[in-house]
Amino acid sequence: DLTNMDKTVDPCVDFYKYSCGGWQKNNPIPPDQATWDVYAKLANEN
């Protein structure tokens, strides 16, 4: 998902932030969760 990325980050400096920076910005932790990630979001949809 291109919207999950943060292309302002150099992938050779922080590939995680490059790939996931947009996701982190757009997916704040829900109030009933301790951690919110791709797996948890899919589990919630399930």
PDB file of all heavy atoms in Angstrom:
ATOM      1  N   ASP A   1       0.847  -1.181   0.000  1.00  0.00           N
ATOM      2  CA  ASP A   1       0.000   0.000   0.000  1.00  0.00           C
ATOM      3  C   ASP A   1       0.888   1.238   0.000  1.00  0.00           C
ATOM      4  O   ASP A   1       1.617   1.492   0.969  1.00  0.00           O
ATOM      5  CB  ASP A   1      -0.901  -0.016   1.228  1.00  0.00           C
ATOM      6  CG  ASP A   1      -2.001   1.037   1.166  1.00  0.00           C
ATOM      7  OD1 ASP A   1      -1.807   2.045   0.457  1.00  0.00           O
ATOM      8  OD2 ASP A   1      -3.029   0.851   1.839  1.00  0.00           O
ATOM      9  N   LEU A   2       0.824   2.023  -1.073  1.00  0.00           N
ATOM     10  CA  LEU A   2       1.689   3.201  -1.186  1.00  0.00           C
ATOM     11  C   LEU A   2       1.386   4.225  -0.101  1.00  0.00           C
ATOM     12  O   LEU A   2       2.286   4.965   0.327  1.00  0.00           O
ATOM     13  CB  LEU A   2       1.522   3.844  -2.568  1.00  0.00           C
ATOM     14  CG  LEU A   2       1.889   2.978  -3.777  1.00  0.00           C
ATOM     15  CD1 LEU A   2       1.695   3.770  -5.066  1.00  0.00           C
ATOM     16  CD2 LEU A   2       3.322   2.475  -3.676  1.00  0.00           C
ATOM     17  N   THR A   3       0.138   4.282   0.362  1.00  0.00           N
ATOM     18  CA  THR A   3      -0.203   5.263   1.400  1.00  0.00           C
ATOM     19  C   THR A   3       0.421   4.911   2.743  1.00  0.00           C
ATOM     20  O   THR A   3       0.457   5.748   3.656  1.00  0.00           O
ATOM     21  CB  THR A   3      -1.721   5.378   1.566  1.00  0.00           C
ATOM     22  OG1 THR A   3      -2.257   4.127   2.051  1.00  0.00           O
ATOM     23  CG2 THR A   3      -2.388   5.726   0.249  1.00  0.00           C
ATOM     24  N   ASN A   4       0.890   3.679   2.892  1.00  0.00           N
ATOM     25  CA  ASN A   4       1.550   3.277   4.140  1.00  0.00           C
ATOM     26  C   ASN A   4       2.982   3.780   4.227  1.00  0.00           C
ATOM     27  O   ASN A   4       3.608   3.695   5.285  1.00  0.00           O
ATOM     28  CB  ASN A   4       1.557   1.749   4.273  1.00  0.00           C
ATOM     29  CG  ASN A   4       0.176   1.194   4.551  1.00  0.00           C
ATOM     30  OD1 ASN A   4      -0.736   1.930   4.913  1.00  0.00           O
ATOM     31  ND2 ASN A   4       0.019  -0.113   4.374  1.00  0.00           N
ATOM     32  N   MET A   5       3.525   4.292   3.107  1.00  0.00           N
ATOM     33  CA  MET A   5       4.933   4.640   3.039  1.00  0.00           C
ATOM     34  C   MET A   5       5.174   6.101   3.429  1.00  0.00           C
ATOM     35  O   MET A   5       4.261   6.921   3.451  1.00  0.00           O
ATOM     36  CB  MET A   5       5.470   4.379   1.627  1.00  0.00           C
ATOM     37  CG  MET A   5       5.286   2.947   1.149  1.00  0.00           C
ATOM     38  SD  MET A   5       5.875   2.682  -0.532  1.00  0.00           S
ATOM     39  CE  MET A   5       7.650   2.853  -0.282  1.00  0.00           C
ATOM     40  N   ASP A   6       6.426   6.407   3.732  1.00  0.00           N
ATOM     41  CA  ASP A   6       6.884   7.784   3.913  1.00  0.00           C
ATOM     42  C   ASP A   6       8.117   7.954   3.027  1.00  0.00           C
ATOM     43  O   ASP A   6       9.242   7.648   3.425  1.00  0.00           O
ATOM     44  CB  ASP A   6       7.227   8.065   5.369  1.00  0.00           C
ATOM     45  CG  ASP A   6       7.660   9.513   5.599  1.00  0.00           C
ATOM     46  OD1 ASP A   6       7.829  10.243   4.600  1.00  0.00           O
ATOM     47  OD2 ASP A   6       7.842   9.902   6.769  1.00  0.00           O
ATOM     48  N   LYS A   7       7.889   8.438   1.815  1.00  0.00           N
ATOM     49  CA  LYS A   7       8.967   8.517   0.832  1.00  0.00           C
ATOM     50  C   LYS A   7       9.931   9.669   1.098  1.00  0.00           C
ATOM     51  O   LYS A   7      10.917   9.819   0.370  1.00  0.00           O
ATOM     52  CB  LYS A   7       8.377   8.636  -0.578  1.00  0.00           C
ATOM     53  CG  LYS A   7       7.589   7.399  -0.995  1.00  0.00           C
ATOM     54  CD  LYS A   7       7.063   7.538  -2.419  1.00  0.00           C
ATOM     55  CE  LYS A   7       6.213   6.358  -2.821  1.00  0.00           C
ATOM     56  NZ  LYS A   7       5.666   6.505  -4.200  1.00  0.00           N
ATOM     57  N   THR A   8       9.659  10.459   2.141  1.00  0.00           N
ATOM     58  CA  THR A   8      10.639  11.482   2.511  1.00  0.00           C
ATOM     59  C   THR A   8      11.827  10.875   3.247  1.00  0.00           C
ATOM     60  O   THR A   8      12.855  11.529   3.428  1.00  0.00           O
ATOM     61  CB  THR A   8       9.999  12.556   3.410  1.00  0.00           C
ATOM     62  OG1 THR A   8       9.650  11.985   4.677  1.00  0.00           O
ATOM     63  CG2 THR A   8       8.767  13.157   2.751  1.00  0.00           C
ATOM     64  N   VAL A   9      11.671   9.632   3.687  1.00  0.00           N
ATOM     65  CA  VAL A   9      12.742   8.937   4.403  1.00  0.00           C
ATOM     66  C   VAL A   9      13.611   8.197   3.407  1.00  0.00           C
ATOM     67  O   VAL A   9      13.112   7.584   2.454  1.00  0.00           O
ATOM     68  CB  VAL A   9      12.153   7.952   5.443  1.00  0.00           C
ATOM     69  CG1 VAL A   9      13.257   7.177   6.144  1.00  0.00           C
ATOM     70  CG2 VAL A   9      11.287   8.693   6.454  1.00  0.00           C
ATOM     71  N   ASP A  10      14.917   8.227   3.618  1.00  0.00           N
ATOM     72  CA  ASP A  10      15.865   7.493   2.774  1.00  0.00           C
ATOM     73  C   ASP A  10      15.785   6.011   3.140  1.00  0.00           C
ATOM     74  O   ASP A  10      16.032   5.644   4.301  1.00  0.00           O
ATOM     75  CB  ASP A  10      17.281   8.020   3.011  1.00  0.00           C
ATOM     76  CG  ASP A  10      18.312   7.392   2.075  1.00  0.00           C
ATOM     77  OD1 ASP A  10      18.039   6.317   1.500  1.00  0.00           O
ATOM     78  OD2 ASP A  10      19.401   7.980   1.937  1.00  0.00           O
ATOM     79  N   PRO A  11      15.433   5.126   2.195  1.00  0.00           N
ATOM     80  CA  PRO A  11      15.319   3.701   2.530  1.00  0.00           C
ATOM     81  C   PRO A  11      16.629   3.091   3.009  1.00  0.00           C
ATOM     82  O   PRO A  11      16.610   2.049   3.683  1.00  0.00           O
ATOM     83  CB  PRO A  11      14.850   3.061   1.219  1.00  0.00           C
ATOM     84  CG  PRO A  11      15.235   4.017   0.151  1.00  0.00           C
ATOM     85  CD  PRO A  11      15.127   5.377   0.774  1.00  0.00           C
ATOM     86  N   CYS A  12      17.751   3.698   2.671  1.00  0.00           N
ATOM     87  CA  CYS A  12      19.045   3.176   3.122  1.00  0.00           C
ATOM     88  C   CYS A  12      19.416   3.660   4.515  1.00  0.00           C
ATOM     89  O   CYS A  12      20.400   3.202   5.092  1.00  0.00           O
ATOM     90  CB  CYS A  12      20.145   3.569   2.133  1.00  0.00           C
ATOM     91  SG  CYS A  12      19.923   2.856   0.489  1.00  0.00           S
ATOM     92  N   VAL A  13      18.611   4.578   5.054  1.00  0.00           N
ATOM     93  CA  VAL A  13      18.826   5.076   6.412  1.00  0.00           C
ATOM     94  C   VAL A  13      17.874   4.397   7.390  1.00  0.00           C
ATOM     95  O   VAL A  13      18.264   3.960   8.475  1.00  0.00           O
ATOM     96  CB  VAL A  13      18.655   6.609   6.461  1.00  0.00           C
ATOM     97  CG1 VAL A  13      18.695   7.119   7.909  1.00  0.00           C
ATOM     98  CG2 VAL A  13      19.743   7.281   5.644  1.00  0.00           C
ATOM     99  N   ASP A  14      16.590   4.283   7.020  1.00  0.00           N
ATOM    100  CA  ASP A  14      15.592   3.653   7.891  1.00  0.00           C
ATOM    101  C   ASP A  14      14.513   3.055   7.001  1.00  0.00           C
ATOM    102  O   ASP A  14      13.526   3.707   6.668  1.00  0.00           O
ATOM    103  CB  ASP A  14      15.003   4.682   8.855  1.00  0.00           C
ATOM    104  CG  ASP A  14      14.095   4.053   9.912  1.00  0.00           C
ATOM    105  OD1 ASP A  14      13.633   2.913   9.700  1.00  0.00           O
ATOM    106  OD2 ASP A  14      13.838   4.709  10.944  1.00  0.00           O
ATOM    107  N   PHE A  15      14.708   1.821   6.591  1.00  0.00           N
ATOM    108  CA  PHE A  15      13.776   1.207   5.652  1.00  0.00           C
ATOM    109  C   PHE A  15      12.418   0.982   6.296  1.00  0.00           C
ATOM    110  O   PHE A  15      11.381   1.060   5.628  1.00  0.00           O
ATOM    111  CB  PHE A  15      14.332  -0.116   5.130  1.00  0.00           C
ATOM    112  CG  PHE A  15      13.491  -0.725   4.044  1.00  0.00           C
ATOM    113  CD1 PHE A  15      13.301  -0.067   2.841  1.00  0.00           C
ATOM    114  CD2 PHE A  15      12.873  -1.957   4.230  1.00  0.00           C
ATOM    115  CE1 PHE A  15      12.510  -0.618   1.835  1.00  0.00           C
ATOM    116  CE2 PHE A  15      12.089  -2.521   3.232  1.00  0.00           C
ATOM    117  CZ  PHE A  15      11.901  -1.853   2.030  1.00  0.00           C
ATOM    118  N   TYR A  16      12.398   0.731   7.596  1.00  0.00           N
ATOM    119  CA  TYR A  16      11.125   0.534   8.285  1.00  0.00           C
ATOM    120  C   TYR A  16      10.283   1.805   8.205  1.00  0.00           C
ATOM    121  O   TYR A  16       9.100   1.763   7.857  1.00  0.00           O
ATOM    122  CB  TYR A  16      11.362   0.145   9.744  1.00  0.00           C
ATOM    123  CG  TYR A  16      10.094  -0.036  10.530  1.00  0.00           C
ATOM    124  CD1 TYR A  16       9.332  -1.185  10.386  1.00  0.00           C
ATOM    125  CD2 TYR A  16       9.648   0.944  11.418  1.00  0.00           C
ATOM    126  CE1 TYR A  16       8.154  -1.366  11.099  1.00  0.00           C
ATOM    127  CE2 TYR A  16       8.475   0.774  12.135  1.00  0.00           C
ATOM    128  CZ  TYR A  16       7.735  -0.381  11.968  1.00  0.00           C
ATOM    129  OH  TYR A  16       6.568  -0.545  12.663  1.00  0.00           O
ATOM    130  N   LYS A  17      10.880   2.934   8.510  1.00  0.00           N
ATOM    131  CA  LYS A  17      10.142   4.199   8.469  1.00  0.00           C
ATOM    132  C   LYS A  17       9.741   4.535   7.032  1.00  0.00           C
ATOM    133  O   LYS A  17       8.648   5.061   6.787  1.00  0.00           O
ATOM    134  CB  LYS A  17      11.013   5.319   9.041  1.00  0.00           C
ATOM    135  CG  LYS A  17      10.228   6.531   9.504  1.00  0.00           C
ATOM    136  CD  LYS A  17       9.492   6.216  10.805  1.00  0.00           C
ATOM    137  CE  LYS A  17       8.832   7.448  11.390  1.00  0.00           C
ATOM    138  NZ  LYS A  17       8.055   7.130  12.605  1.00  0.00           N
ATOM    139  N   TYR A  18      10.595   4.220   6.089  1.00  0.00           N
ATOM    140  CA  TYR A  18      10.292   4.439   4.671  1.00  0.00           C
ATOM    141  C   TYR A  18       9.059   3.641   4.256  1.00  0.00           C
ATOM    142  O   TYR A  18       8.180   4.148   3.545  1.00  0.00           O
ATOM    143  CB  TYR A  18      11.504   4.029   3.841  1.00  0.00           C
ATOM    144  CG  TYR A  18      11.321   4.046   2.349  1.00  0.00           C
ATOM    145  CD1 TYR A  18      11.387   5.237   1.622  1.00  0.00           C
ATOM    146  CD2 TYR A  18      11.137   2.860   1.640  1.00  0.00           C
ATOM    147  CE1 TYR A  18      11.246   5.244   0.238  1.00  0.00           C
ATOM    148  CE2 TYR A  18      11.000   2.855   0.265  1.00  0.00           C
ATOM    149  CZ  TYR A  18      11.052   4.045  -0.438  1.00  0.00           C
ATOM    150  OH  TYR A  18      10.925   4.051  -1.812  1.00  0.00           O
ATOM    151  N   SER A  19       8.969   2.409   4.718  1.00  0.00           N
ATOM    152  CA  SER A  19       7.866   1.526   4.316  1.00  0.00           C
ATOM    153  C   SER A  19       6.607   1.738   5.146  1.00  0.00           C
ATOM    154  O   SER A  19       5.491   1.524   4.650  1.00  0.00           O
ATOM    155  CB  SER A  19       8.303   0.056   4.439  1.00  0.00           C
ATOM    156  OG  SER A  19       9.422  -0.210   3.619  1.00  0.00           O
ATOM    157  N   CYS A  20       6.754   2.153   6.399  1.00  0.00           N
ATOM    158  CA  CYS A  20       5.637   2.161   7.346  1.00  0.00           C
ATOM    159  C   CYS A  20       5.306   3.531   7.926  1.00  0.00           C
ATOM    160  O   CYS A  20       4.369   3.647   8.718  1.00  0.00           O
ATOM    161  CB  CYS A  20       5.939   1.208   8.510  1.00  0.00           C
ATOM    162  SG  CYS A  20       5.907  -0.540   8.058  1.00  0.00           S
ATOM    163  N   GLY A  21       6.052   4.567   7.562  1.00  0.00           N
ATOM    164  CA  GLY A  21       5.813   5.873   8.158  1.00  0.00           C
ATOM    165  C   GLY A  21       4.412   6.394   7.930  1.00  0.00           C
ATOM    166  O   GLY A  21       3.796   7.003   8.823  1.00  0.00           O
ATOM    167  N   GLY A  22       3.869   6.181   6.740  1.00  0.00           N
ATOM    168  CA  GLY A  22       2.499   6.607   6.457  1.00  0.00           C
ATOM    169  C   GLY A  22       1.489   5.823   7.264  1.00  0.00           C
ATOM    170  O   GLY A  22       0.495   6.378   7.762  1.00  0.00           O
ATOM    171  N   TRP A  23       1.727   4.522   7.394  1.00  0.00           N
ATOM    172  CA  TRP A  23       0.821   3.686   8.191  1.00  0.00           C
ATOM    173  C   TRP A  23       0.801   4.168   9.634  1.00  0.00           C
ATOM    174  O   TRP A  23      -0.273   4.287  10.255  1.00  0.00           O
ATOM    175  CB  TRP A  23       1.259   2.228   8.131  1.00  0.00           C
ATOM    176  CG  TRP A  23       0.242   1.264   8.668  1.00  0.00           C
ATOM    177  CD1 TRP A  23      -0.676   0.549   7.959  1.00  0.00           C
ATOM    178  CD2 TRP A  23       0.016   0.941  10.054  1.00  0.00           C
ATOM    179  NE1 TRP A  23      -1.459  -0.204   8.816  1.00  0.00           N
ATOM    180  CE2 TRP A  23      -1.054   0.018  10.101  1.00  0.00           C
ATOM    181  CE3 TRP A  23       0.608   1.339  11.243  1.00  0.00           C
ATOM    182  CZ2 TRP A  23      -1.534  -0.505  11.290  1.00  0.00           C
ATOM    183  CZ3 TRP A  23       0.124   0.827  12.446  1.00  0.00           C
ATOM    184  CH2 TRP A  23      -0.929  -0.097  12.463  1.00  0.00           C
ATOM    185  N   GLN A  24       1.981   4.437  10.196  1.00  0.00           N
ATOM    186  CA  GLN A  24       2.043   4.890  11.587  1.00  0.00           C
ATOM    187  C   GLN A  24       1.287   6.204  11.777  1.00  0.00           C
ATOM    188  O   GLN A  24       0.605   6.391  12.785  1.00  0.00           O
ATOM    189  CB  GLN A  24       3.505   5.048  12.011  1.00  0.00           C
ATOM    190  CG  GLN A  24       4.254   3.720  12.110  1.00  0.00           C
ATOM    191  CD  GLN A  24       5.708   3.911  12.481  1.00  0.00           C
ATOM    192  OE1 GLN A  24       6.449   4.638  11.818  1.00  0.00           O
ATOM    193  NE2 GLN A  24       6.129   3.268  13.559  1.00  0.00           N
ATOM    194  N   LYS A  25       1.395   7.101  10.812  1.00  0.00           N
ATOM    195  CA  LYS A  25       0.716   8.396  10.900  1.00  0.00           C
ATOM    196  C   LYS A  25      -0.797   8.221  10.794  1.00  0.00           C
ATOM    197  O   LYS A  25      -1.559   8.908  11.498  1.00  0.00           O
ATOM    198  CB  LYS A  25       1.219   9.323   9.797  1.00  0.00           C
ATOM    199  CG  LYS A  25       0.557  10.689   9.777  1.00  0.00           C
ATOM    200  CD  LYS A  25       1.096  11.545   8.634  1.00  0.00           C
ATOM    201  CE  LYS A  25       0.390  12.904   8.579  1.00  0.00           C
ATOM    202  NZ  LYS A  25       0.893  13.745   7.458  1.00  0.00           N
ATOM    203  N   ASN A  26      -1.241   7.311   9.944  1.00  0.00           N
ATOM    204  CA  ASN A  26      -2.666   7.171   9.645  1.00  0.00           C
ATOM    205  C   ASN A  26      -3.386   6.163  10.530  1.00  0.00           C
ATOM    206  O   ASN A  26      -4.606   6.005  10.414  1.00  0.00           O
ATOM    207  CB  ASN A  26      -2.849   6.769   8.181  1.00  0.00           C
ATOM    208  CG  ASN A  26      -2.343   7.830   7.224  1.00  0.00           C
ATOM    209  OD1 ASN A  26      -2.424   9.023   7.505  1.00  0.00           O
ATOM    210  ND2 ASN A  26      -1.792   7.394   6.089  1.00  0.00           N
ATOM    211  N   ASN A  27      -2.658   5.491  11.404  1.00  0.00           N
ATOM    212  CA  ASN A  27      -3.266   4.435  12.219  1.00  0.00           C
ATOM    213  C   ASN A  27      -2.909   4.612  13.695  1.00  0.00           C
ATOM    214  O   ASN A  27      -2.117   3.845  14.254  1.00  0.00           O
ATOM    215  CB  ASN A  27      -2.820   3.055  11.735  1.00  0.00           C
ATOM    216  CG  ASN A  27      -3.418   2.685  10.391  1.00  0.00           C
ATOM    217  OD1 ASN A  27      -4.518   2.145  10.319  1.00  0.00           O
ATOM    218  ND2 ASN A  27      -2.693   2.987   9.323  1.00  0.00           N
ATOM    219  N   PRO A  28      -3.468   5.618  14.342  1.00  0.00           N
ATOM    220  CA  PRO A  28      -3.229   5.782  15.781  1.00  0.00           C
ATOM    221  C   PRO A  28      -3.770   4.583  16.557  1.00  0.00           C
ATOM    222  O   PRO A  28      -4.665   3.870  16.088  1.00  0.00           O
ATOM    223  CB  PRO A  28      -3.989   7.061  16.123  1.00  0.00           C
ATOM    224  CG  PRO A  28      -5.049   7.167  15.066  1.00  0.00           C
ATOM    225  CD  PRO A  28      -4.418   6.616  13.813  1.00  0.00           C
ATOM    226  N   ILE A  29      -3.225   4.379  17.734  1.00  0.00           N
ATOM    227  CA  ILE A  29      -3.630   3.223  18.539  1.00  0.00           C
ATOM    228  C   ILE A  29      -5.063   3.412  19.028  1.00  0.00           C
ATOM    229  O   ILE A  29      -5.368   4.408  19.683  1.00  0.00           O
ATOM    230  CB  ILE A  29      -2.692   3.042  19.744  1.00  0.00           C
ATOM    231  CG1 ILE A  29      -1.236   2.947  19.292  1.00  0.00           C
ATOM    232  CG2 ILE A  29      -3.080   1.802  20.548  1.00  0.00           C
ATOM    233  CD1 ILE A  29      -0.235   2.996  20.425  1.00  0.00           C
ATOM    234  N   PRO A  30      -5.969   2.501  18.737  1.00  0.00           N
ATOM    235  CA  PRO A  30      -7.330   2.603  19.280  1.00  0.00           C
ATOM    236  C   PRO A  30      -7.305   2.572  20.805  1.00  0.00           C
ATOM    237  O   PRO A  30      -6.396   1.982  21.408  1.00  0.00           O
ATOM    238  CB  PRO A  30      -8.039   1.366  18.705  1.00  0.00           C
ATOM    239  CG  PRO A  30      -7.245   0.997  17.500  1.00  0.00           C
ATOM    240  CD  PRO A  30      -5.821   1.336  17.839  1.00  0.00           C
ATOM    241  N   PRO A  31      -8.287   3.180  21.440  1.00  0.00           N
ATOM    242  CA  PRO A  31      -8.245   3.286  22.906  1.00  0.00           C
ATOM    243  C   PRO A  31      -8.337   1.964  23.647  1.00  0.00           C
ATOM    244  O   PRO A  31      -7.988   1.906  24.821  1.00  0.00           O
ATOM    245  CB  PRO A  31      -9.443   4.188  23.234  1.00  0.00           C
ATOM    246  CG  PRO A  31     -10.328   4.122  22.036  1.00  0.00           C
ATOM    247  CD  PRO A  31      -9.433   3.905  20.863  1.00  0.00           C
ATOM    248  N   ASP A  32      -8.786   0.886  22.981  1.00  0.00           N
ATOM    249  CA  ASP A  32      -8.874  -0.401  23.667  1.00  0.00           C
ATOM    250  C   ASP A  32      -7.721  -1.328  23.316  1.00  0.00           C
ATOM    251  O   ASP A  32      -7.785  -2.532  23.563  1.00  0.00           O
ATOM    252  CB  ASP A  32     -10.213  -1.084  23.354  1.00  0.00           C
ATOM    253  CG  ASP A  32     -10.324  -1.514  21.894  1.00  0.00           C
ATOM    254  OD1 ASP A  32      -9.667  -0.888  21.038  1.00  0.00           O
ATOM    255  OD2 ASP A  32     -11.056  -2.484  21.613  1.00  0.00           O
ATOM    256  N   GLN A  33      -6.650  -0.771  22.743  1.00  0.00           N
ATOM    257  CA  GLN A  33      -5.513  -1.585  22.319  1.00  0.00           C
ATOM    258  C   GLN A  33      -4.226  -1.086  22.971  1.00  0.00           C
ATOM    259  O   GLN A  33      -4.053   0.116  23.198  1.00  0.00           O
ATOM    260  CB  GLN A  33      -5.347  -1.526  20.796  1.00  0.00           C
ATOM    261  CG  GLN A  33      -6.547  -1.996  20.003  1.00  0.00           C
ATOM    262  CD  GLN A  33      -6.708  -3.499  20.014  1.00  0.00           C
ATOM    263  OE1 GLN A  33      -5.740  -4.237  20.127  1.00  0.00           O
ATOM    264  NE2 GLN A  33      -7.944  -3.962  19.886  1.00  0.00           N
ATOM    265  N   ALA A  34      -3.304  -2.000  23.246  1.00  0.00           N
ATOM    266  CA  ALA A  34      -1.990  -1.634  23.765  1.00  0.00           C
ATOM    267  C   ALA A  34      -1.020  -1.364  22.631  1.00  0.00           C
ATOM    268  O   ALA A  34      -0.157  -0.490  22.722  1.00  0.00           O
ATOM    269  CB  ALA A  34      -1.442  -2.745  24.655  1.00  0.00           C
ATOM    270  N   THR A  35      -1.156  -2.139  21.570  1.00  0.00           N
ATOM    271  CA  THR A  35      -0.338  -1.998  20.368  1.00  0.00           C
ATOM    272  C   THR A  35      -1.274  -2.109  19.178  1.00  0.00           C
ATOM    273  O   THR A  35      -2.251  -2.865  19.210  1.00  0.00           O
ATOM    274  CB  THR A  35       0.739  -3.101  20.305  1.00  0.00           C
ATOM    275  OG1 THR A  35       1.658  -2.917  21.379  1.00  0.00           O
ATOM    276  CG2 THR A  35       1.505  -3.056  18.999  1.00  0.00           C
ATOM    277  N   TRP A  36      -0.991  -1.376  18.131  1.00  0.00           N
ATOM    278  CA  TRP A  36      -1.822  -1.430  16.931  1.00  0.00           C
ATOM    279  C   TRP A  36      -0.896  -1.657  15.749  1.00  0.00           C
ATOM    280  O   TRP A  36       0.012  -0.867  15.495  1.00  0.00           O
ATOM    281  CB  TRP A  36      -2.607  -0.148  16.776  1.00  0.00           C
ATOM    282  CG  TRP A  36      -3.702  -0.164  15.754  1.00  0.00           C
ATOM    283  CD1 TRP A  36      -3.846   0.669  14.683  1.00  0.00           C
ATOM    284  CD2 TRP A  36      -4.838  -1.038  15.716  1.00  0.00           C
ATOM    285  NE1 TRP A  36      -4.998   0.371  13.984  1.00  0.00           N
ATOM    286  CE2 TRP A  36      -5.626  -0.682  14.597  1.00  0.00           C
ATOM    287  CE3 TRP A  36      -5.259  -2.106  16.527  1.00  0.00           C
ATOM    288  CZ2 TRP A  36      -6.812  -1.340  14.268  1.00  0.00           C
ATOM    289  CZ3 TRP A  36      -6.439  -2.767  16.187  1.00  0.00           C
ATOM    290  CH2 TRP A  36      -7.200  -2.385  15.082  1.00  0.00           C
ATOM    291  N   ASP A  37      -1.075  -2.782  15.078  1.00  0.00           N
ATOM    292  CA  ASP A  37      -0.219  -3.111  13.949  1.00  0.00           C
ATOM    293  C   ASP A  37      -1.051  -3.770  12.860  1.00  0.00           C
ATOM    294  O   ASP A  37      -2.270  -3.938  13.003  1.00  0.00           O
ATOM    295  CB  ASP A  37       0.945  -4.003  14.382  1.00  0.00           C
ATOM    296  CG  ASP A  37       0.501  -5.259  15.124  1.00  0.00           C
ATOM    297  OD1 ASP A  37      -0.564  -5.808  14.787  1.00  0.00           O
ATOM    298  OD2 ASP A  37       1.211  -5.697  16.040  1.00  0.00           O
ATOM    299  N   VAL A  38      -0.409  -4.129  11.784  1.00  0.00           N
ATOM    300  CA  VAL A  38      -1.121  -4.714  10.646  1.00  0.00           C
ATOM    301  C   VAL A  38      -1.817  -6.005  11.058  1.00  0.00           C
ATOM    302  O   VAL A  38      -2.973  -6.259  10.681  1.00  0.00           O
ATOM    303  CB  VAL A  38      -0.149  -4.945   9.477  1.00  0.00           C
ATOM    304  CG1 VAL A  38      -0.808  -5.766   8.373  1.00  0.00           C
ATOM    305  CG2 VAL A  38       0.341  -3.605   8.920  1.00  0.00           C
ATOM    306  N   TYR A  39      -1.146  -6.821  11.835  1.00  0.00           N
ATOM    307  CA  TYR A  39      -1.743  -8.078  12.294  1.00  0.00           C
ATOM    308  C   TYR A  39      -2.938  -7.812  13.212  1.00  0.00           C
ATOM    309  O   TYR A  39      -3.984  -8.451  13.102  1.00  0.00           O
ATOM    310  CB  TYR A  39      -0.692  -8.923  13.010  1.00  0.00           C
ATOM    311  CG  TYR A  39       0.069  -9.853  12.100  1.00  0.00           C
ATOM    312  CD1 TYR A  39       0.813  -9.367  11.036  1.00  0.00           C
ATOM    313  CD2 TYR A  39       0.046 -11.222  12.297  1.00  0.00           C
ATOM    314  CE1 TYR A  39       1.515 -10.207  10.200  1.00  0.00           C
ATOM    315  CE2 TYR A  39       0.746 -12.092  11.468  1.00  0.00           C
ATOM    316  CZ  TYR A  39       1.478 -11.576  10.415  1.00  0.00           C
ATOM    317  OH  TYR A  39       2.171 -12.414   9.582  1.00  0.00           O
ATOM    318  N   ALA A  40      -2.773  -6.882  14.145  1.00  0.00           N
ATOM    319  CA  ALA A  40      -3.867  -6.571  15.065  1.00  0.00           C
ATOM    320  C   ALA A  40      -5.060  -5.989  14.327  1.00  0.00           C
ATOM    321  O   ALA A  40      -6.222  -6.267  14.664  1.00  0.00           O
ATOM    322  CB  ALA A  40      -3.382  -5.606  16.141  1.00  0.00           C
ATOM    323  N   LYS A  41      -4.798  -5.172  13.321  1.00  0.00           N
ATOM    324  CA  LYS A  41      -5.888  -4.575  12.548  1.00  0.00           C
ATOM    325  C   LYS A  41      -6.661  -5.656  11.788  1.00  0.00           C
ATOM    326  O   LYS A  41      -7.899  -5.645  11.755  1.00  0.00           O
ATOM    327  CB  LYS A  41      -5.323  -3.542  11.578  1.00  0.00           C
ATOM    328  CG  LYS A  41      -6.372  -2.680  10.895  1.00  0.00           C
ATOM    329  CD  LYS A  41      -5.720  -1.569  10.062  1.00  0.00           C
ATOM    330  CE  LYS A  41      -6.778  -0.679   9.420  1.00  0.00           C
ATOM    331  NZ  LYS A  41      -6.166   0.409   8.614  1.00  0.00           N
ATOM    332  N   LEU A  42      -5.951  -6.600  11.204  1.00  0.00           N
ATOM    333  CA  LEU A  42      -6.624  -7.703  10.519  1.00  0.00           C
ATOM    334  C   LEU A  42      -7.384  -8.568  11.522  1.00  0.00           C
ATOM    335  O   LEU A  42      -8.512  -9.015  11.248  1.00  0.00           O
ATOM    336  CB  LEU A  42      -5.615  -8.544   9.742  1.00  0.00           C
ATOM    337  CG  LEU A  42      -6.175  -9.783   9.036  1.00  0.00           C
ATOM    338  CD1 LEU A  42      -7.300  -9.413   8.072  1.00  0.00           C
ATOM    339  CD2 LEU A  42      -5.054 -10.526   8.289  1.00  0.00           C
ATOM    340  N   ALA A  43      -6.778  -8.810  12.698  1.00  0.00           N
ATOM    341  CA  ALA A  43      -7.473  -9.576  13.728  1.00  0.00           C
ATOM    342  C   ALA A  43      -8.759  -8.882  14.144  1.00  0.00           C
ATOM    343  O   ALA A  43      -9.792  -9.523  14.375  1.00  0.00           O
ATOM    344  CB  ALA A  43      -6.565  -9.776  14.943  1.00  0.00           C
ATOM    345  N   ASN A  44      -8.712  -7.557  14.236  1.00  0.00           N
ATOM    346  CA  ASN A  44      -9.911  -6.799  14.590  1.00  0.00           C
ATOM    347  C   ASN A  44     -10.987  -6.941  13.513  1.00  0.00           C
ATOM    348  O   ASN A  44     -12.180  -7.081  13.814  1.00  0.00           O
ATOM    349  CB  ASN A  44      -9.544  -5.327  14.777  1.00  0.00           C
ATOM    350  CG  ASN A  44     -10.685  -4.510  15.339  1.00  0.00           C
ATOM    351  OD1 ASN A  44     -11.029  -4.624  16.511  1.00  0.00           O
ATOM    352  ND2 ASN A  44     -11.295  -3.685  14.501  1.00  0.00           N
ATOM    353  N   GLU A  45     -10.575  -6.913  12.237  1.00  0.00           N
ATOM    354  CA  GLU A  45     -11.531  -7.111  11.151  1.00  0.00           C
ATOM    355  C   GLU A  45     -12.109  -8.519  11.186  1.00  0.00           C
ATOM    356  O   GLU A  45     -13.326  -8.705  10.959  1.00  0.00           O
ATOM    357  CB  GLU A  45     -10.848  -6.835   9.814  1.00  0.00           C
ATOM    358  CG  GLU A  45     -10.480  -5.379   9.618  1.00  0.00           C
ATOM    359  CD  GLU A  45      -9.550  -5.138   8.443  1.00  0.00           C
ATOM    360  OE1 GLU A  45      -9.041  -6.131   7.865  1.00  0.00           O
ATOM    361  OE2 GLU A  45      -9.310  -3.963   8.115  1.00  0.00           O
ATOM    362  N   ASN A  46     -11.276  -9.518  11.491  1.00  0.00           N
ATOM    363  CA  ASN A  46     -11.781 -10.881  11.642  1.00  0.00           C
ATOM    364  C   ASN A  46     -12.831 -10.945  12.746  1.00  0.00           C
ATOM    365  O   ASN A  46     -13.862 -11.614  12.622  1.00  0.00           O
ATOM    366  CB  ASN A  46     -10.635 -11.842  11.963  1.00  0.00           C
ATOM    367  CG  ASN A  46      -9.779 -12.167  10.755  1.00  0.00           C
ATOM    368  OD1 ASN A  46     -10.055 -11.707   9.646  1.00  0.00           O
ATOM    369  ND2 ASN A  46      -8.733 -12.940  10.956  1.00  0.00           N
TER     370      ASN A  46
END
